Amino acid sequence: MGWGCGRRQAIVIGDTIGTGIFLVSSDMARTVGSARLVFASWIIGGVIVLFGAFCYAELGAAFPKAGGPYVYLGRGLGPVWDFFSGG
């Protein structure tokens, strides 16, 4: 029985979210003082990260070359910025 791509993605996502929730939530609750504000900040942060992932996916589709951020910065902002990004 093999591990499909969806199962592996679920493990990575669950690990990332679980680590963030268990390590950061108590500090957030102590700072803001309200469970509703903690939940709202997690939801807003999740939406922002989702939009970032969509943007990154669009860049990957528009510039299908190896190099990721190096290619995107060089193509979008010029060779100086891709140099500073580590290229």
N, C-alpha and C. Protein backbone atom coordinates (compact mmCIF):
# COMPACT_ATOMS: atom_id res chain seq x y z
N MET A 1 0.85 -1.17 0.00
CA MET A 1 0.00 0.00 0.00
C MET A 1 0.90 1.24 0.00
N GLY A 2 0.86 2.02 -1.08
CA GLY A 2 1.72 3.19 -1.20
C GLY A 2 1.08 4.46 -0.65
N TRP A 3 1.91 5.40 -0.46
CA TRP A 3 1.45 6.70 0.02
C TRP A 3 1.25 7.59 -1.19
N GLY A 4 0.03 7.98 -1.46
CA GLY A 4 -0.26 8.84 -2.59
C GLY A 4 0.16 10.27 -2.33
N CYS A 5 0.12 11.06 -3.37
CA CYS A 5 0.51 12.47 -3.27
C CYS A 5 -0.39 13.23 -2.28
N GLY A 6 -1.67 12.95 -2.31
CA GLY A 6 -2.60 13.63 -1.40
C GLY A 6 -2.32 13.31 0.06
N ARG A 7 -1.97 12.07 0.35
CA ARG A 7 -1.68 11.69 1.73
C ARG A 7 -0.39 12.37 2.22
N ARG A 8 0.60 12.44 1.35
CA ARG A 8 1.85 13.11 1.73
C ARG A 8 1.63 14.60 1.95
N GLN A 9 0.83 15.21 1.08
CA GLN A 9 0.52 16.64 1.26
C GLN A 9 -0.23 16.87 2.56
N ALA A 10 -1.15 16.01 2.89
CA ALA A 10 -1.92 16.16 4.13
C ALA A 10 -1.00 16.07 5.35
N ILE A 11 0.00 15.20 5.30
CA ILE A 11 0.93 15.08 6.42
C ILE A 11 1.74 16.35 6.58
N VAL A 12 2.26 16.88 5.47
CA VAL A 12 3.06 18.11 5.53
C VAL A 12 2.22 19.29 6.02
N ILE A 13 1.02 19.43 5.47
CA ILE A 13 0.15 20.54 5.86
C ILE A 13 -0.26 20.39 7.33
N GLY A 14 -0.64 19.19 7.74
CA GLY A 14 -1.03 18.96 9.12
C GLY A 14 0.11 19.23 10.09
N ASP A 15 1.32 18.83 9.71
CA ASP A 15 2.48 19.07 10.56
C ASP A 15 2.75 20.57 10.69
N THR A 16 2.67 21.28 9.58
CA THR A 16 2.92 22.72 9.60
C THR A 16 1.88 23.46 10.44
N ILE A 17 0.63 23.18 10.19
CA ILE A 17 -0.43 23.85 10.93
C ILE A 17 -0.41 23.44 12.40
N GLY A 18 -0.23 22.15 12.66
CA GLY A 18 -0.22 21.67 14.03
C GLY A 18 0.90 22.28 14.85
N THR A 19 2.08 22.38 14.25
CA THR A 19 3.20 23.00 14.95
C THR A 19 2.91 24.45 15.26
N GLY A 20 2.38 25.17 14.29
CA GLY A 20 2.06 26.58 14.51
C GLY A 20 1.00 26.78 15.57
N ILE A 21 -0.02 25.94 15.56
CA ILE A 21 -1.11 26.09 16.52
C ILE A 21 -0.63 25.79 17.93
N PHE A 22 0.14 24.74 18.10
CA PHE A 22 0.55 24.36 19.45
C PHE A 22 1.64 25.26 20.01
N LEU A 23 2.47 25.83 19.16
CA LEU A 23 3.56 26.67 19.65
C LEU A 23 3.21 28.14 19.78
N VAL A 24 2.27 28.62 18.98
CA VAL A 24 2.03 30.06 18.91
C VAL A 24 0.71 30.48 19.56
N SER A 25 -0.27 29.61 19.60
CA SER A 25 -1.60 30.02 20.05
C SER A 25 -1.62 30.53 21.48
N SER A 26 -0.86 29.92 22.36
CA SER A 26 -0.88 30.39 23.75
C SER A 26 -0.32 31.80 23.86
N ASP A 27 0.74 32.09 23.12
CA ASP A 27 1.28 33.46 23.11
C ASP A 27 0.29 34.45 22.52
N MET A 28 -0.38 34.03 21.45
CA MET A 28 -1.38 34.91 20.83
C MET A 28 -2.53 35.19 21.79
N ALA A 29 -3.02 34.15 22.45
CA ALA A 29 -4.14 34.32 23.38
C ALA A 29 -3.75 35.22 24.54
N ARG A 30 -2.54 35.06 25.02
CA ARG A 30 -2.05 35.91 26.12
C ARG A 30 -1.97 37.37 25.67
N THR A 31 -1.57 37.60 24.43
CA THR A 31 -1.38 38.96 23.93
C THR A 31 -2.71 39.65 23.63
N VAL A 32 -3.61 38.97 22.90
CA VAL A 32 -4.85 39.62 22.50
C VAL A 32 -5.97 39.47 23.52
N GLY A 33 -5.93 38.40 24.32
CA GLY A 33 -6.90 38.24 25.39
C GLY A 33 -8.26 37.73 24.97
N SER A 34 -8.41 37.27 23.73
CA SER A 34 -9.72 36.80 23.28
C SER A 34 -9.54 35.64 22.31
N ALA A 35 -10.31 34.59 22.53
CA ALA A 35 -10.23 33.43 21.64
C ALA A 35 -10.73 33.78 20.24
N ARG A 36 -11.74 34.65 20.16
CA ARG A 36 -12.25 35.05 18.85
C ARG A 36 -11.20 35.78 18.02
N LEU A 37 -10.44 36.63 18.66
CA LEU A 37 -9.38 37.34 17.93
C LEU A 37 -8.27 36.39 17.49
N VAL A 38 -7.99 35.38 18.30
CA VAL A 38 -6.99 34.38 17.89
C VAL A 38 -7.49 33.62 16.67
N PHE A 39 -8.74 33.16 16.70
CA PHE A 39 -9.30 32.46 15.54
C PHE A 39 -9.34 33.36 14.31
N ALA A 40 -9.75 34.60 14.50
CA ALA A 40 -9.82 35.53 13.37
C ALA A 40 -8.44 35.76 12.77
N SER A 41 -7.43 35.90 13.61
CA SER A 41 -6.09 36.13 13.08
C SER A 41 -5.57 34.90 12.34
N TRP A 42 -5.90 33.69 12.81
CA TRP A 42 -5.49 32.49 12.09
C TRP A 42 -6.20 32.41 10.74
N ILE A 43 -7.47 32.75 10.70
CA ILE A 43 -8.21 32.69 9.44
C ILE A 43 -7.69 33.74 8.46
N ILE A 44 -7.48 34.95 8.93
CA ILE A 44 -6.96 36.01 8.05
C ILE A 44 -5.56 35.65 7.55
N GLY A 45 -4.72 35.14 8.44
CA GLY A 45 -3.38 34.71 8.03
C GLY A 45 -3.44 33.59 7.00
N GLY A 46 -4.36 32.65 7.20
CA GLY A 46 -4.52 31.56 6.23
C GLY A 46 -4.95 32.04 4.87
N VAL A 47 -5.85 33.02 4.83
CA VAL A 47 -6.29 33.58 3.55
C VAL A 47 -5.13 34.31 2.86
N ILE A 48 -4.35 35.04 3.62
CA ILE A 48 -3.20 35.74 3.04
C ILE A 48 -2.19 34.74 2.46
N VAL A 49 -1.92 33.67 3.21
CA VAL A 49 -1.00 32.64 2.72
C VAL A 49 -1.56 31.95 1.48
N LEU A 50 -2.86 31.71 1.45
CA LEU A 50 -3.49 31.09 0.28
C LEU A 50 -3.34 31.98 -0.94
N PHE A 51 -3.55 33.28 -0.79
CA PHE A 51 -3.36 34.19 -1.92
C PHE A 51 -1.91 34.21 -2.38
N GLY A 52 -0.98 34.13 -1.43
CA GLY A 52 0.44 34.06 -1.79
C GLY A 52 0.74 32.80 -2.58
N ALA A 53 0.14 31.67 -2.18
CA ALA A 53 0.33 30.42 -2.90
C ALA A 53 -0.24 30.51 -4.31
N PHE A 54 -1.39 31.16 -4.46
CA PHE A 54 -1.96 31.36 -5.79
C PHE A 54 -1.04 32.20 -6.67
N CYS A 55 -0.48 33.25 -6.10
CA CYS A 55 0.45 34.10 -6.86
C CYS A 55 1.68 33.32 -7.27
N TYR A 56 2.20 32.53 -6.37
CA TYR A 56 3.38 31.73 -6.66
C TYR A 56 3.07 30.70 -7.75
N ALA A 57 1.87 30.11 -7.73
CA ALA A 57 1.47 29.16 -8.76
C ALA A 57 1.34 29.84 -10.11
N GLU A 58 0.81 31.04 -10.14
CA GLU A 58 0.70 31.78 -11.40
C GLU A 58 2.08 32.13 -11.96
N LEU A 59 3.00 32.51 -11.07
CA LEU A 59 4.35 32.80 -11.54
C LEU A 59 5.01 31.53 -12.10
N GLY A 60 4.79 30.41 -11.45
CA GLY A 60 5.34 29.15 -11.94
C GLY A 60 4.77 28.77 -13.29
N ALA A 61 3.49 29.06 -13.51
CA ALA A 61 2.87 28.76 -14.81
C ALA A 61 3.34 29.74 -15.88
N ALA A 62 3.58 30.99 -15.47
CA ALA A 62 4.00 32.00 -16.45
C ALA A 62 5.47 31.84 -16.84
N PHE A 63 6.31 31.40 -15.91
CA PHE A 63 7.74 31.24 -16.16
C PHE A 63 8.15 29.80 -15.84
N PRO A 64 7.87 28.85 -16.72
CA PRO A 64 8.15 27.45 -16.41
C PRO A 64 9.63 27.09 -16.59
N LYS A 65 10.47 27.67 -15.76
CA LYS A 65 11.89 27.38 -15.80
C LYS A 65 12.35 26.97 -14.41
N ALA A 66 13.45 26.24 -14.36
CA ALA A 66 14.02 25.86 -13.07
C ALA A 66 14.62 27.09 -12.41
N GLY A 67 14.47 27.22 -11.11
CA GLY A 67 15.08 28.33 -10.38
C GLY A 67 14.13 29.03 -9.44
N GLY A 68 12.84 28.88 -9.64
CA GLY A 68 11.86 29.46 -8.72
C GLY A 68 11.99 30.96 -8.54
N PRO A 69 12.14 31.41 -7.29
CA PRO A 69 12.19 32.85 -7.00
C PRO A 69 13.29 33.58 -7.76
N TYR A 70 14.39 32.90 -8.01
CA TYR A 70 15.48 33.51 -8.78
C TYR A 70 14.99 33.92 -10.17
N VAL A 71 14.27 33.05 -10.84
CA VAL A 71 13.74 33.34 -12.17
C VAL A 71 12.69 34.43 -12.10
N TYR A 72 11.80 34.36 -11.11
CA TYR A 72 10.71 35.33 -11.00
C TYR A 72 11.25 36.74 -10.75
N LEU A 73 12.20 36.84 -9.83
CA LEU A 73 12.76 38.17 -9.53
C LEU A 73 13.57 38.71 -10.69
N GLY A 74 14.35 37.86 -11.33
CA GLY A 74 15.16 38.31 -12.46
C GLY A 74 14.30 38.77 -13.62
N ARG A 75 13.24 38.04 -13.87
CA ARG A 75 12.36 38.38 -14.98
C ARG A 75 11.49 39.61 -14.65
N GLY A 76 11.03 39.69 -13.42
CA GLY A 76 10.11 40.77 -13.06
C GLY A 76 10.78 42.07 -12.66
N LEU A 77 11.92 42.00 -11.97
CA LEU A 77 12.53 43.20 -11.43
C LEU A 77 13.91 43.51 -12.00
N GLY A 78 14.53 42.55 -12.65
CA GLY A 78 15.84 42.78 -13.25
C GLY A 78 16.93 41.94 -12.63
N PRO A 79 18.09 41.91 -13.29
CA PRO A 79 19.16 41.01 -12.84
C PRO A 79 19.76 41.37 -11.49
N VAL A 80 19.67 42.63 -11.08
CA VAL A 80 20.22 43.00 -9.77
C VAL A 80 19.48 42.28 -8.66
N TRP A 81 18.16 42.19 -8.75
CA TRP A 81 17.36 41.58 -7.69
C TRP A 81 17.51 40.07 -7.65
N ASP A 82 17.68 39.43 -8.81
CA ASP A 82 17.90 38.00 -8.74
C ASP A 82 19.29 37.69 -8.20
N PHE A 83 20.25 38.59 -8.42
CA PHE A 83 21.56 38.42 -7.83
C PHE A 83 21.46 38.50 -6.30
N PHE A 84 20.73 39.49 -5.80
CA PHE A 84 20.58 39.64 -4.35
C PHE A 84 19.77 38.50 -3.72
N SER A 85 18.94 37.82 -4.50
CA SER A 85 18.17 36.71 -3.95
C SER A 85 19.00 35.43 -3.87
N GLY A 86 20.23 35.47 -4.34
CA GLY A 86 21.09 34.30 -4.22
C GLY A 86 21.40 33.62 -5.52
N GLY A 87 21.04 34.24 -6.63
CA GLY A 87 21.25 33.61 -7.93
C GLY A 87 22.63 33.72 -8.47
